[in-house]
């Protein structure tokens, strides 16, 4: 269970959110990777990755945005895609790299800020963002969506998993000990945000994991 420590003002806390949240992941990178490595712990997730890859246009690489320990990056690379695994936390990237041997030429690693992606327009066939945008304050989610759409090639697809609910705050506990920011959203509300950011053919489905959903949209 997550324990809420205090109510927060997102505007006041904005400069602190990325630093503190990613600092928690950075300090516990190996523990987080160990806890999330096994697809059996996340019903339906492996099938979601496979279905996502099959739905993408050919040729261009895929961005795993907020790659964590690299589990999904490795799966996408093993499915034959060139993959850019991106994360803000340096220790998470080092952990992902160390667990990804044998995929040279198909899998690269980049430290990035989700609000200012270091890529050209129309770069990716798809962007896979599993539980990464939920660590942004609500006011910043539209910026991230616009960046994701900008870097997708025409016809490319974003798959973004979020936790269903309402409200945003600092929380402690869950998969990791430590302080992290969580923004919960309703599926319909998030679909509306994707449409407002310019995504087409937006659809949402339950993820098969408690309180999680996946939102899909095309450029």
Protein backbone atom coordinates (compact mmCIF):
# COMPACT_ATOMS: atom_id res chain seq x y z
CA UNK A 1 0.00 0.00 0.00
CA UNK A 2 1.05 3.59 -0.62
CA UNK A 3 1.15 5.94 2.34
CA UNK A 4 0.29 9.59 1.70
CA UNK A 5 2.48 11.86 3.80
CA UNK A 6 0.94 15.25 3.11
CA UNK A 7 -1.25 17.12 0.74
CA UNK A 8 0.80 19.03 -1.80
CA UNK A 9 0.45 22.02 -4.05
CA UNK A 10 1.64 20.82 -7.49
CA UNK A 11 2.57 24.32 -8.59
CA UNK A 12 4.68 24.88 -5.48
CA UNK A 13 6.31 21.47 -5.66
CA UNK A 14 6.88 21.36 -9.43
CA UNK A 15 10.67 21.96 -9.39
CA UNK A 16 11.04 19.22 -6.79
CA UNK A 17 8.96 16.48 -8.38
CA UNK A 18 11.38 15.08 -10.95
CA UNK A 19 14.44 15.44 -8.74
CA UNK A 20 12.92 13.68 -5.74
CA UNK A 21 10.96 10.99 -7.60
CA UNK A 22 13.83 10.04 -9.89
CA UNK A 23 16.19 10.24 -6.93
CA UNK A 24 14.20 7.44 -5.29
CA UNK A 25 14.52 5.30 -8.42
CA UNK A 26 18.19 6.22 -8.76
CA UNK A 27 18.94 5.15 -5.19
CA UNK A 28 17.15 1.81 -5.56
CA UNK A 29 17.69 0.94 -9.21
CA UNK A 30 18.69 -2.70 -8.73
CA UNK A 31 15.92 -3.32 -6.21
CA UNK A 32 13.33 -1.83 -8.56
CA UNK A 33 14.64 -3.82 -11.54
CA UNK A 34 14.52 -7.04 -9.52
CA UNK A 35 10.96 -6.32 -8.36
CA UNK A 36 9.66 -5.60 -11.86
CA UNK A 37 11.67 -7.99 -14.04
CA UNK A 38 9.24 -10.92 -14.13
CA UNK A 39 6.29 -10.45 -16.49
CA UNK A 40 4.40 -13.09 -14.49
CA UNK A 41 3.92 -10.50 -11.75
CA UNK A 42 2.07 -8.20 -14.16
CA UNK A 43 -0.78 -10.09 -15.83
CA UNK A 44 -1.26 -9.19 -19.47
CA UNK A 45 1.74 -6.87 -19.72
CA UNK A 46 3.89 -9.08 -21.94
CA UNK A 47 0.98 -9.48 -24.38
CA UNK A 48 0.52 -5.70 -24.41
CA UNK A 49 4.16 -5.18 -25.42
CA UNK A 50 3.86 -7.77 -28.20
CA UNK A 51 0.60 -6.30 -29.52
CA UNK A 52 2.09 -2.79 -29.43
CA UNK A 53 5.12 -3.83 -31.49
CA UNK A 54 2.97 -5.59 -34.09
CA UNK A 55 0.83 -2.46 -34.55
CA UNK A 56 3.76 -0.18 -35.42
CA UNK A 57 4.90 0.89 -38.88
CA UNK A 58 8.11 -0.86 -39.99
CA UNK A 59 11.62 0.48 -40.18
CA UNK A 60 11.88 3.17 -37.54
CA UNK A 61 13.02 2.61 -33.94
CA UNK A 62 10.88 2.52 -30.81
CA UNK A 63 11.29 4.70 -27.72
CA UNK A 64 10.84 3.10 -24.31
CA UNK A 65 10.12 6.26 -22.33
CA UNK A 66 10.97 5.72 -18.68
CA UNK A 67 12.62 2.37 -19.28
CA UNK A 68 13.39 1.53 -15.65
CA UNK A 69 15.37 -1.71 -15.50
CA UNK A 70 14.94 -2.22 -19.24
CA UNK A 71 12.51 -5.16 -19.15
CA UNK A 72 10.25 -3.86 -21.94
CA UNK A 73 13.17 -2.48 -23.94
CA UNK A 74 14.69 -5.95 -24.04
CA UNK A 75 11.39 -7.50 -25.08
CA UNK A 76 10.96 -5.00 -27.92
CA UNK A 77 14.55 -5.61 -29.07
CA UNK A 78 14.00 -9.36 -28.96
CA UNK A 79 10.94 -8.85 -31.17
CA UNK A 80 13.28 -7.37 -33.77
CA UNK A 81 12.92 -3.64 -33.14
CA UNK A 82 15.67 -1.11 -32.74
CA UNK A 83 14.98 0.46 -29.35
CA UNK A 84 16.01 3.63 -27.56
CA UNK A 85 15.70 3.05 -23.82
CA UNK A 86 15.33 6.40 -22.08
CA UNK A 87 15.21 7.34 -18.41
CA UNK A 88 16.07 10.34 -16.24
CA UNK A 89 17.74 8.34 -13.45
CA UNK A 90 21.38 7.52 -14.30
CA UNK A 91 21.53 4.44 -12.07
CA UNK A 92 18.41 3.04 -13.73
CA UNK A 93 20.05 3.42 -17.14
CA UNK A 94 23.23 1.72 -15.93
CA UNK A 95 21.14 -1.09 -14.48
CA UNK A 96 19.15 -1.48 -17.71
CA UNK A 97 22.34 -1.55 -19.76
CA UNK A 98 23.98 -4.16 -17.54
CA UNK A 99 20.96 -6.45 -17.93
CA UNK A 100 20.76 -6.09 -21.71
CA UNK A 101 23.87 -7.88 -22.95
CA UNK A 102 23.82 -9.39 -26.42
CA UNK A 103 21.55 -6.79 -27.99
CA UNK A 104 24.21 -4.46 -29.42
CA UNK A 105 22.95 -2.57 -32.43
CA UNK A 106 19.32 -3.04 -31.44
CA UNK A 107 19.24 -1.33 -28.05
CA UNK A 108 20.71 2.03 -27.03
CA UNK A 109 20.40 4.06 -23.84
CA UNK A 110 19.76 7.79 -23.41
CA UNK A 111 19.30 9.96 -20.34
CA UNK A 112 16.38 12.25 -21.05
CA UNK A 113 13.82 14.66 -19.67
CA UNK A 114 10.31 13.58 -20.63
CA UNK A 115 9.28 17.24 -20.96
CA UNK A 116 12.01 18.08 -23.48
CA UNK A 117 12.91 14.99 -25.48
CA UNK A 118 16.34 15.16 -27.16
CA UNK A 119 15.11 13.79 -30.49
CA UNK A 120 14.17 15.20 -33.87
CA UNK A 121 10.60 15.37 -35.08
CA UNK A 122 9.14 12.21 -36.67
CA UNK A 123 11.85 9.98 -35.18
CA UNK A 124 10.01 6.93 -33.81
CA UNK A 125 7.59 4.29 -35.04
CA UNK A 126 6.21 4.08 -31.51
CA UNK A 127 6.65 5.28 -27.96
CA UNK A 128 6.05 2.90 -25.08
CA UNK A 129 5.56 4.73 -21.77
CA UNK A 130 4.78 2.26 -18.99
CA UNK A 131 3.98 4.05 -15.75
CA UNK A 132 6.20 7.05 -16.46
CA UNK A 133 3.79 9.94 -17.07
CA UNK A 134 2.03 9.24 -13.78
CA UNK A 135 5.08 10.67 -12.00
CA UNK A 136 4.48 14.11 -13.54
CA UNK A 137 2.31 16.80 -11.98
CA UNK A 138 -1.00 16.96 -13.81
CA UNK A 139 -0.20 20.39 -15.22
CA UNK A 140 2.86 18.98 -17.02
CA UNK A 141 1.23 15.94 -18.63
CA UNK A 142 0.09 17.90 -21.73
CA UNK A 143 3.71 18.98 -22.33
CA UNK A 144 4.87 15.37 -22.21
CA UNK A 145 2.10 14.28 -24.57
CA UNK A 146 3.03 16.99 -27.05
CA UNK A 147 6.68 15.90 -26.94
CA UNK A 148 5.72 12.25 -27.49
CA UNK A 149 3.56 13.17 -30.46
CA UNK A 150 6.24 15.48 -31.92
CA UNK A 151 8.85 12.73 -31.97
CA UNK A 152 6.53 10.10 -33.48
CA UNK A 153 6.60 9.53 -37.22
CA UNK A 154 3.30 9.99 -39.09
CA UNK A 155 1.26 6.87 -38.40
CA UNK A 156 3.35 6.07 -35.33
CA UNK A 157 1.66 5.04 -32.12
CA UNK A 158 2.02 5.87 -28.44
CA UNK A 159 1.05 3.38 -25.75
CA UNK A 160 0.85 5.00 -22.32
CA UNK A 161 -0.06 3.11 -19.17
CA UNK A 162 -1.49 5.02 -16.22
CA UNK A 163 -3.19 4.30 -12.91
CA UNK A 164 -6.89 5.05 -12.76
CA UNK A 165 -8.14 7.40 -10.07
CA UNK A 166 -8.17 11.06 -9.18
CA UNK A 167 -5.77 13.39 -7.42
CA UNK A 168 -2.03 13.87 -7.20
CA UNK A 169 0.36 13.90 -4.28
CA UNK A 170 3.58 12.65 -2.77
CA UNK A 171 3.40 9.03 -1.66
CA UNK A 172 5.70 6.55 0.01
CA UNK A 173 5.84 2.78 -0.23
CA UNK A 174 4.55 0.36 -2.84
CA UNK A 175 7.14 -1.18 -5.15
CA UNK A 176 9.86 0.99 -3.61
CA UNK A 177 10.58 2.51 -0.25
CA UNK A 178 11.02 6.22 -0.77
CA UNK A 179 9.14 9.32 -1.82
CA UNK A 180 7.54 9.53 -5.26
CA UNK A 181 4.96 11.74 -6.94
CA UNK A 182 1.83 10.10 -8.34
CA UNK A 183 -0.84 11.65 -10.53
CA UNK A 184 -3.92 9.46 -10.96
CA UNK A 185 -6.30 10.07 -13.87
CA UNK A 186 -9.55 8.67 -15.21
CA UNK A 187 -9.30 6.70 -18.47
CA UNK A 188 -11.76 8.99 -20.27
CA UNK A 189 -10.03 12.09 -18.96
CA UNK A 190 -6.63 10.87 -20.12
CA UNK A 191 -8.03 9.94 -23.54
CA UNK A 192 -9.33 13.50 -23.82
CA UNK A 193 -5.87 14.84 -23.00
CA UNK A 194 -4.32 12.71 -25.71
CA UNK A 195 -6.87 13.95 -28.24
CA UNK A 196 -6.20 17.54 -27.20
CA UNK A 197 -2.48 16.93 -27.78
CA UNK A 198 -3.28 15.94 -31.37
CA UNK A 199 -3.39 12.14 -31.20
CA UNK A 200 -5.83 10.38 -33.52
CA UNK A 201 -7.81 7.19 -33.04
CA UNK A 202 -7.33 7.31 -29.28
CA UNK A 203 -8.60 4.28 -27.42
CA UNK A 204 -8.27 3.02 -23.87
CA UNK A 205 -8.46 -0.46 -22.42
CA UNK A 206 -8.05 -2.02 -18.99
CA UNK A 207 -4.59 -3.43 -18.42
CA UNK A 208 -5.62 -6.54 -16.50
CA UNK A 209 -3.76 -5.21 -13.47
CA UNK A 210 -5.60 -3.52 -10.65
CA UNK A 211 -6.31 0.16 -11.32
CA UNK A 212 -4.13 0.27 -14.46
CA UNK A 213 -5.16 1.12 -18.02
CA UNK A 214 -3.38 1.62 -21.35
CA UNK A 215 -4.15 4.54 -23.66
CA UNK A 216 -3.22 4.21 -27.35
CA UNK A 217 -3.12 6.95 -29.95
CA UNK A 218 -1.73 7.55 -33.44
CA UNK A 219 0.02 10.54 -34.90
